[in-house]
Amino acid sequence: MTTTVRKLTFKEYLAYDDGTDARYELVDGELVEMPPESDRNNLISLYLLSQFLKFVPIQFIRHKDTELVVAGNRTRVRLPDFMILTQELLEAIALKRATITTDMPSPALVVEVVSPGKVNEDRDYRYKRSEYAARGIPEYWIVDPEKARITLLILVDGLYEESIFQGTDLITFVTFPTLDLTAAQVLTAGQV
């Protein structure tokens, strides 16, 4: 016996409300519940927020709850941990739902903090990597506390070129060259 699950359209996703505080990504028409972040991942994300506030006005920063529409077999909606908007994107999203649609410019930077488990690792390293490249996002960081490394991806001719930073490696940022951080500073943020 075959069971079929009705696929949601993007419009149905935008209107979806199950009466809970659950957060969902839309992947090829299916809702994928995003579990709460670990405290460690939250602290890393907050640390990055505190560092970027030194260089970027707050209105350009998005943290956790701004949706990003990317291409897939059907529309996909991702919930990045952290984003930096461009001026054009800030103007396009102003006074609207916090959803960056395909007709809007791409963010300047997207950061994902990898949660434990193969499913989460595949999502951040494989699927989002190709989706963000196709979306034209110039810089994508994968912060991986479990592997104790930061993968910095820079878009070159439609594909990401990667650099990996660990320990006391000073991260060389392309979009924010004056940002002085080591991998260890980011990965141990908030630890006692």
Protein backbone atom coordinates (compact mmCIF):
# COMPACT_ATOMS: atom_id res chain seq x y z
CA MET A 1 0.00 0.00 0.00
CA THR A 2 1.39 3.39 -0.99
CA THR A 3 0.78 6.44 1.14
CA THR A 4 0.99 9.84 -0.43
CA VAL A 5 1.59 13.03 1.47
CA ARG A 6 0.10 16.14 -0.04
CA LYS A 7 2.81 18.60 -0.95
CA LEU A 8 2.42 22.21 0.11
CA THR A 9 2.81 25.08 -2.30
CA PHE A 10 4.90 28.06 -1.27
CA LYS A 11 1.69 30.07 -0.76
CA GLU A 12 0.29 27.32 1.50
CA TYR A 13 3.55 27.28 3.45
CA LEU A 14 3.34 31.02 4.04
CA ALA A 15 -0.20 30.60 5.41
CA TYR A 16 0.55 27.44 7.43
CA ASP A 17 -0.09 27.60 11.17
CA ASP A 18 -0.38 24.49 13.30
CA GLY A 19 -1.01 26.47 16.47
CA THR A 20 2.41 25.71 17.94
CA ASP A 21 5.72 27.57 18.14
CA ALA A 22 7.38 24.95 15.93
CA ARG A 23 9.65 26.26 13.18
CA TYR A 24 9.61 24.58 9.78
CA GLU A 25 11.67 24.61 6.63
CA LEU A 26 9.88 23.78 3.39
CA VAL A 27 11.73 21.13 1.38
CA ASP A 28 10.21 20.14 -1.95
CA GLY A 29 6.69 20.75 -0.64
CA GLU A 30 7.15 18.99 2.69
CA LEU A 31 7.37 20.64 6.10
CA VAL A 32 10.54 19.72 7.97
CA GLU A 33 10.39 20.68 11.63
CA MET A 34 13.51 22.42 12.90
CA PRO A 35 14.18 21.34 16.49
CA PRO A 36 15.30 23.93 19.04
CA GLU A 37 19.00 24.79 18.81
CA SER A 38 21.47 23.54 21.39
CA ASP A 39 22.66 26.12 23.88
CA ARG A 40 26.15 25.89 22.38
CA ASN A 41 24.87 26.68 18.89
CA ASN A 42 22.84 29.61 20.23
CA LEU A 43 25.90 31.04 21.99
CA ILE A 44 27.99 30.75 18.81
CA SER A 45 25.32 32.53 16.83
CA LEU A 46 24.98 35.26 19.49
CA TYR A 47 28.76 35.68 19.59
CA LEU A 48 28.82 36.24 15.84
CA LEU A 49 26.00 38.76 16.24
CA SER A 50 28.03 40.65 18.87
CA GLN A 51 31.08 40.71 16.58
CA PHE A 52 29.21 41.84 13.47
CA LEU A 53 27.52 44.66 15.38
CA LYS A 54 30.97 46.29 15.51
CA PHE A 55 31.04 46.53 11.70
CA VAL A 56 27.48 46.33 10.40
CA PRO A 57 24.43 48.41 11.38
CA ILE A 58 21.86 46.25 13.14
CA GLN A 59 19.21 46.67 10.42
CA PHE A 60 21.41 44.59 8.05
CA ILE A 61 21.66 41.64 10.45
CA ARG A 62 19.15 38.79 10.59
CA HIS A 63 19.30 36.17 13.32
CA LYS A 64 17.39 32.86 13.23
CA ASP A 65 13.89 33.82 12.09
CA THR A 66 14.25 35.26 8.59
CA GLU A 67 13.29 32.78 5.88
CA LEU A 68 15.34 32.38 2.72
CA VAL A 69 13.71 30.93 -0.40
CA VAL A 70 16.04 28.77 -2.52
CA ALA A 71 15.58 26.53 -5.55
CA GLY A 72 14.96 22.80 -5.40
CA ASN A 73 12.70 20.30 -7.14
CA ARG A 74 9.99 22.55 -5.74
CA THR A 75 10.35 25.71 -3.70
CA ARG A 76 12.51 25.34 -0.61
CA VAL A 77 12.52 27.67 2.36
CA ARG A 78 15.51 27.67 4.72
CA LEU A 79 15.93 29.28 8.13
CA PRO A 80 19.61 30.28 8.34
CA ASP A 81 21.15 30.88 11.75
CA PHE A 82 22.59 34.23 10.74
CA MET A 83 22.57 36.52 7.68
CA ILE A 84 23.94 39.86 6.58
CA LEU A 85 21.73 41.70 4.11
CA THR A 86 22.77 44.04 1.33
CA GLN A 87 21.30 47.55 1.05
CA GLU A 88 19.17 46.41 -1.91
CA LEU A 89 17.83 43.43 0.03
CA LEU A 90 17.11 45.57 3.08
CA GLU A 91 14.99 47.86 0.90
CA ALA A 92 13.21 44.90 -0.73
CA ILE A 93 12.30 43.17 2.54
CA ALA A 94 11.34 46.31 4.49
CA LEU A 95 7.86 46.22 6.03
CA LYS A 96 7.12 42.75 4.66
CA ARG A 97 7.13 39.28 6.18
CA ALA A 98 10.69 38.27 7.08
CA THR A 99 10.94 36.08 3.98
CA ILE A 100 13.59 36.63 1.31
CA THR A 101 11.87 35.50 -1.88
CA THR A 102 13.48 34.60 -5.20
CA ASP A 103 12.60 37.97 -6.72
CA MET A 104 14.69 39.75 -4.06
CA PRO A 105 18.48 40.15 -4.05
CA SER A 106 20.53 37.56 -2.16
CA PRO A 107 22.04 38.20 1.27
CA ALA A 108 25.74 39.13 1.35
CA LEU A 109 26.50 36.39 3.87
CA VAL A 110 24.77 33.33 5.34
CA VAL A 111 26.03 31.42 8.39
CA GLU A 112 24.84 27.99 9.48
CA VAL A 113 25.89 26.47 12.82
CA VAL A 114 25.78 22.70 12.35
CA SER A 115 23.69 20.73 14.83
CA PRO A 116 24.81 17.19 15.77
CA GLY A 117 23.77 14.28 13.57
CA LYS A 118 24.19 13.11 9.98
CA VAL A 119 20.89 14.61 8.78
CA ASN A 120 21.92 18.07 10.03
CA GLU A 121 25.44 17.68 8.67
CA ASP A 122 24.14 16.66 5.22
CA ARG A 123 21.69 19.56 5.20
CA ASP A 124 24.36 22.20 5.98
CA TYR A 125 27.34 20.75 4.08
CA ARG A 126 25.59 19.30 1.02
CA TYR A 127 22.12 20.60 0.34
CA LYS A 128 22.41 24.18 1.57
CA ARG A 129 25.82 24.49 -0.04
CA SER A 130 24.37 23.85 -3.50
CA GLU A 131 21.16 25.80 -2.79
CA TYR A 132 23.04 28.87 -1.56
CA ALA A 133 25.44 28.74 -4.51
CA ALA A 134 22.49 28.54 -6.93
CA ARG A 135 20.90 31.49 -5.07
CA GLY A 136 24.08 33.51 -5.71
CA ILE A 137 25.02 34.07 -2.06
CA PRO A 138 28.62 35.34 -2.23
CA GLU A 139 29.79 34.03 1.14
CA TYR A 140 28.56 31.04 3.18
CA TRP A 141 30.06 29.91 6.48
CA ILE A 142 29.55 26.48 7.99
CA VAL A 143 30.41 26.64 11.69
CA ASP A 144 30.81 23.09 12.98
CA PRO A 145 31.28 22.77 16.75
CA GLU A 146 31.46 18.94 16.59
CA LYS A 147 34.31 18.95 14.05
CA ALA A 148 35.82 22.07 15.66
CA ARG A 149 36.16 23.89 12.34
CA ILE A 150 34.73 26.68 10.25
CA THR A 151 34.33 26.18 6.52
CA LEU A 152 34.35 29.48 4.66
CA LEU A 153 32.82 29.24 1.18
CA ILE A 154 33.30 32.00 -1.39
CA LEU A 155 31.24 32.00 -4.60
CA VAL A 156 33.47 31.99 -7.69
CA ASP A 157 31.86 31.56 -11.12
CA GLY A 158 28.76 29.91 -9.65
CA LEU A 159 30.54 27.41 -7.39
CA TYR A 160 31.87 27.69 -3.86
CA GLU A 161 35.60 27.56 -3.18
CA GLU A 162 36.30 26.55 0.39
CA SER A 163 38.82 27.32 3.07
CA ILE A 164 38.83 25.50 6.41
CA PHE A 165 39.87 27.13 9.68
CA GLN A 166 40.56 25.42 13.00
CA GLY A 167 42.03 26.32 16.38
CA THR A 168 44.05 29.51 16.37
CA ASP A 169 43.77 29.96 12.58
CA LEU A 170 42.90 33.59 11.87
CA ILE A 171 39.87 33.50 9.59
CA THR A 172 40.39 35.44 6.35
CA PHE A 173 37.04 36.95 5.49
CA VAL A 174 36.42 38.22 1.99
CA THR A 175 33.28 40.28 2.59
CA PHE A 176 34.47 41.59 5.97
CA PRO A 177 38.29 41.76 5.80
CA THR A 178 38.58 43.87 8.99
CA LEU A 179 36.79 41.26 11.10
CA ASP A 180 39.52 39.69 13.27
CA LEU A 181 38.44 36.28 14.56
CA THR A 182 40.05 32.92 15.06
CA ALA A 183 38.17 29.66 14.66
CA ALA A 184 38.65 28.97 18.39
CA GLN A 185 37.07 32.30 19.38
CA VAL A 186 33.94 31.47 17.42
CA LEU A 187 33.75 27.78 18.34
CA THR A 188 34.25 28.32 22.09
CA ALA A 189 31.94 31.31 22.38
CA GLY A 190 30.14 31.34 25.70
CA GLN A 191 31.86 28.25 27.09
CA VAL A 192 32.84 28.37 30.73
